[in-house]
C-alpha atoms as a PDB file:
ATOM      1  CA  MET A   1      -4.397  53.180  54.225  1.00  0.00           C
ATOM      2  CA  ILE A   2      -1.056  54.312  56.061  1.00  0.00           C
ATOM      3  CA  GLY A   3      -1.782  51.984  59.034  1.00  0.00           C
ATOM      4  CA  LYS A   4      -1.708  49.003  56.761  1.00  0.00           C
ATOM      5  CA  ASN A   5       1.061  49.763  54.693  1.00  0.00           C
ATOM      6  CA  ILE A   6       3.140  50.031  57.922  1.00  0.00           C
ATOM      7  CA  HIS A   7       1.554  47.092  59.342  1.00  0.00           C
ATOM      8  CA  GLU A   8       2.393  45.014  56.102  1.00  0.00           C
ATOM      9  CA  LEU A   9       5.912  46.652  55.813  1.00  0.00           C
ATOM     10  CA  ARG A  10       6.674  45.548  59.564  1.00  0.00           C
ATOM     11  CA  ARG A  11       5.360  42.072  59.299  1.00  0.00           C
ATOM     12  CA  ASN A  12       7.474  41.871  55.904  1.00  0.00           C
ATOM     13  CA  ARG A  13      10.728  42.638  57.564  1.00  0.00           C
ATOM     14  CA  GLY A  14       9.902  40.254  60.589  1.00  0.00           C
ATOM     15  CA  LEU A  15       9.171  42.884  63.131  1.00  0.00           C
ATOM     16  CA  SER A  16       6.981  42.671  66.333  1.00  0.00           C
ATOM     17  CA  LEU A  17       4.897  45.817  67.250  1.00  0.00           C
ATOM     18  CA  SER A  18       6.981  45.680  70.273  1.00  0.00           C
ATOM     19  CA  GLU A  19      10.514  45.854  68.232  1.00  0.00           C
ATOM     20  CA  LEU A  20       9.424  48.552  66.230  1.00  0.00           C
ATOM     21  CA  SER A  21       8.093  50.613  69.039  1.00  0.00           C
ATOM     22  CA  GLU A  22      11.981  50.154  70.832  1.00  0.00           C
ATOM     23  CA  ARG A  23      13.453  50.926  67.413  1.00  0.00           C
ATOM     24  CA  SER A  24      11.610  53.859  66.572  1.00  0.00           C
ATOM     25  CA  GLY A  25      10.805  54.991  70.225  1.00  0.00           C
ATOM     26  CA  ILE A  26       7.276  55.236  69.523  1.00  0.00           C
ATOM     27  CA  SER A  27       5.045  53.546  72.204  1.00  0.00           C
ATOM     28  CA  LYS A  28       3.584  50.568  71.398  1.00  0.00           C
ATOM     29  CA  SER A  29      -0.032  51.489  72.048  1.00  0.00           C
ATOM     30  CA  TYR A  30       0.385  54.383  69.345  1.00  0.00           C
ATOM     31  CA  LEU A  31       2.095  52.364  66.667  1.00  0.00           C
ATOM     32  CA  SER A  32      -1.041  49.865  66.906  1.00  0.00           C
ATOM     33  CA  ASN A  33      -3.411  53.013  67.024  1.00  0.00           C
ATOM     34  CA  ILE A  34      -1.790  54.013  63.755  1.00  0.00           C
ATOM     35  CA  GLU A  35      -1.700  50.039  62.484  1.00  0.00           C
ATOM     36  CA  ARG A  36      -5.659  50.120  63.134  1.00  0.00           C
ATOM     37  CA  ASP A  37      -6.108  53.380  61.519  1.00  0.00           C
ATOM     38  CA  VAL A  38      -7.452  54.647  64.767  1.00  0.00           C
ATOM     39  CA  HIS A  39      -4.695  57.494  64.502  1.00  0.00           C
ATOM     40  CA  LYS A  40      -5.002  58.088  60.530  1.00  0.00           C
ATOM     41  CA  ASN A  41      -2.740  60.849  60.179  1.00  0.00           C
ATOM     42  CA  PRO A  42       0.614  60.482  62.102  1.00  0.00           C
ATOM     43  CA  SER A  43       3.209  63.486  62.077  1.00  0.00           C
ATOM     44  CA  ILE A  44       6.007  63.747  59.460  1.00  0.00           C
ATOM     45  CA  GLN A  45       8.090  62.859  62.539  1.00  0.00           C
ATOM     46  CA  ILE A  46       6.304  59.957  63.558  1.00  0.00           C
ATOM     47  CA  LEU A  47       6.663  58.396  59.780  1.00  0.00           C
ATOM     48  CA  GLU A  48      10.287  59.414  59.637  1.00  0.00           C
ATOM     49  CA  LYS A  49      11.131  57.500  62.695  1.00  0.00           C
ATOM     50  CA  ILE A  50       8.665  54.669  61.486  1.00  0.00           C
ATOM     51  CA  SER A  51      10.160  54.680  57.899  1.00  0.00           C
ATOM     52  CA  ASP A  52      13.986  54.958  59.450  1.00  0.00           C
ATOM     53  CA  VAL A  53      13.345  51.665  61.400  1.00  0.00           C
ATOM     54  CA  LEU A  54      11.557  49.658  58.375  1.00  0.00           C
ATOM     55  CA  ASN A  55      14.555  51.203  56.196  1.00  0.00           C
ATOM     56  CA  VAL A  56      11.852  52.551  53.584  1.00  0.00           C
ATOM     57  CA  ASP A  57      11.349  55.931  51.954  1.00  0.00           C
ATOM     58  CA  LEU A  58       8.656  57.681  53.247  1.00  0.00           C
ATOM     59  CA  ILE A  59       6.421  57.494  50.239  1.00  0.00           C
ATOM     60  CA  ASN A  60       6.453  53.654  50.910  1.00  0.00           C
ATOM     61  CA  LEU A  61       4.563  54.581  54.188  1.00  0.00           C
ATOM     62  CA  VAL A  62       1.665  56.870  52.696  1.00  0.00           C
ATOM     63  CA  VAL A  63       1.243  55.542  49.221  1.00  0.00           C
ATOM     64  CA  PRO A  64      -0.852  51.932  48.957  1.00  0.00           C
ATOM     65  CA  GLY A  65       1.271  49.024  46.883  1.00  0.00           C
ATOM     66  CA  TYR A  66       4.003  51.886  46.186  1.00  0.00           C
ATOM     67  CA  SER A  67       6.574  49.364  47.999  1.00  0.00           C
ATOM     68  CA  SER A  68       5.515  46.271  46.085  1.00  0.00           C
ATOM     69  CA  GLY A  69       5.262  48.010  42.703  1.00  0.00           C
ATOM     70  CA  ASN A  70       1.804  47.198  42.757  1.00  0.00           C
ATOM     71  CA  PHE A  71       0.996  51.138  42.886  1.00  0.00           C
ATOM     72  CA  LEU A  72      -1.398  52.100  40.116  1.00  0.00           C
ATOM     73  CA  PRO A  73      -2.614  55.946  39.499  1.00  0.00           C
ATOM     74  CA  ASP A  74      -6.028  56.928  40.008  1.00  0.00           C
ATOM     75  CA  LYS A  75      -7.573  56.188  36.452  1.00  0.00           C
ATOM     76  CA  GLU A  76      -9.517  58.832  36.382  1.00  0.00           C
ATOM     77  CA  LEU A  77      -6.744  61.370  37.163  1.00  0.00           C
ATOM     78  CA  TYR A  78      -4.866  59.426  34.654  1.00  0.00           C
ATOM     79  CA  GLU A  79      -7.197  59.790  31.875  1.00  0.00           C
ATOM     80  CA  PHE A  80      -7.532  63.244  32.359  1.00  0.00           C
ATOM     81  CA  VAL A  81      -3.538  64.038  32.255  1.00  0.00           C
ATOM     82  CA  THR A  82      -3.773  62.058  29.122  1.00  0.00           C
ATOM     83  CA  GLU A  83      -6.634  64.200  27.608  1.00  0.00           C
ATOM     84  CA  LEU A  84      -4.272  67.172  28.709  1.00  0.00           C
ATOM     85  CA  LYS A  85      -1.498  66.237  26.596  1.00  0.00           C
ATOM     86  CA  LYS A  86      -3.415  65.112  23.882  1.00  0.00           C
ATOM     87  CA  THR A  87      -4.533  68.963  23.622  1.00  0.00           C
ATOM     88  CA  GLY A  88      -0.838  70.015  24.125  1.00  0.00           C
ATOM     89  CA  ILE A  89      -0.800  71.098  27.513  1.00  0.00           C
ATOM     90  CA  GLU A  90       2.181  70.206  29.296  1.00  0.00           C
ATOM     91  CA  LYS A  91       3.107  69.979  32.901  1.00  0.00           C
ATOM     92  CA  GLU A  92       5.185  73.307  32.651  1.00  0.00           C
ATOM     93  CA  ASN A  93       2.337  75.141  31.187  1.00  0.00           C
ATOM     94  CA  ILE A  94      -0.403  74.107  33.935  1.00  0.00           C
ATOM     95  CA  GLN A  95       0.209  77.493  35.737  1.00  0.00           C
ATOM     96  CA  GLU A  96      -0.868  79.437  32.931  1.00  0.00           C
ATOM     97  CA  TYR A  97      -4.427  77.322  32.576  1.00  0.00           C
ATOM     98  CA  LYS A  98      -4.847  78.059  36.312  1.00  0.00           C
ATOM     99  CA  GLN A  99      -6.415  81.339  36.206  1.00  0.00           C
ATOM    100  CA  LEU A 100      -9.105  79.939  33.693  1.00  0.00           C
ATOM    101  CA  ILE A 101      -9.714  76.774  36.266  1.00  0.00           C
ATOM    102  CA  ASP A 102     -10.328  79.080  39.181  1.00  0.00           C
ATOM    103  CA  PHE A 103     -12.803  81.406  36.701  1.00  0.00           C
ATOM    104  CA  ILE A 104     -14.885  78.174  36.015  1.00  0.00           C
ATOM    105  CA  LYS A 105     -14.210  76.913  40.026  1.00  0.00           C
ATOM    106  CA  TRP A 106     -15.673  80.463  41.074  1.00  0.00           C
ATOM    107  CA  GLN A 107     -18.538  80.352  38.343  1.00  0.00           C
ATOM    108  CA  ASN A 108     -19.611  76.738  39.101  1.00  0.00           C
ATOM    109  CA  GLU A 109     -19.953  77.800  42.768  1.00  0.00           C
ATOM    110  CA  LYS A 110     -22.044  80.593  41.914  1.00  0.00           C
ATOM    111  CA  VAL A 111     -24.535  78.580  40.121  1.00  0.00           C
ATOM    112  CA  HIS A 112     -24.320  76.028  42.584  1.00  0.00           C
ATOM    113  CA  ALA A 113     -25.376  78.956  45.575  1.00  0.00           C
ATOM    114  CA  LYS A 114     -28.400  79.792  43.793  1.00  0.00           C
ATOM    115  CA  LYS A 115     -29.876  76.522  43.917  1.00  0.00           C
END
């Protein structure tokens, strides 16, 4: 995912892998491994160097479609948040419900452990 985003952003900016390597100070082979998802979790320092050269915010590297405006949140998560709002639970209040959520999680783990 990150690799594909970096690859697309690099190509859109007309940069070769060698140019990105030279400008960022990251080896060409390591960049290639990132783009091919061999290294799926590069450090934040590496991502910052890449984002600086590509002149984008870090989020553009890690969220698919963010730079093109085609970012769509996970449908189930969106529906869940919508349902929470309908019940009157707002983002600011979620910590109040965390203890209940933790209890339900503990209960479910207990039930599944017995099976």
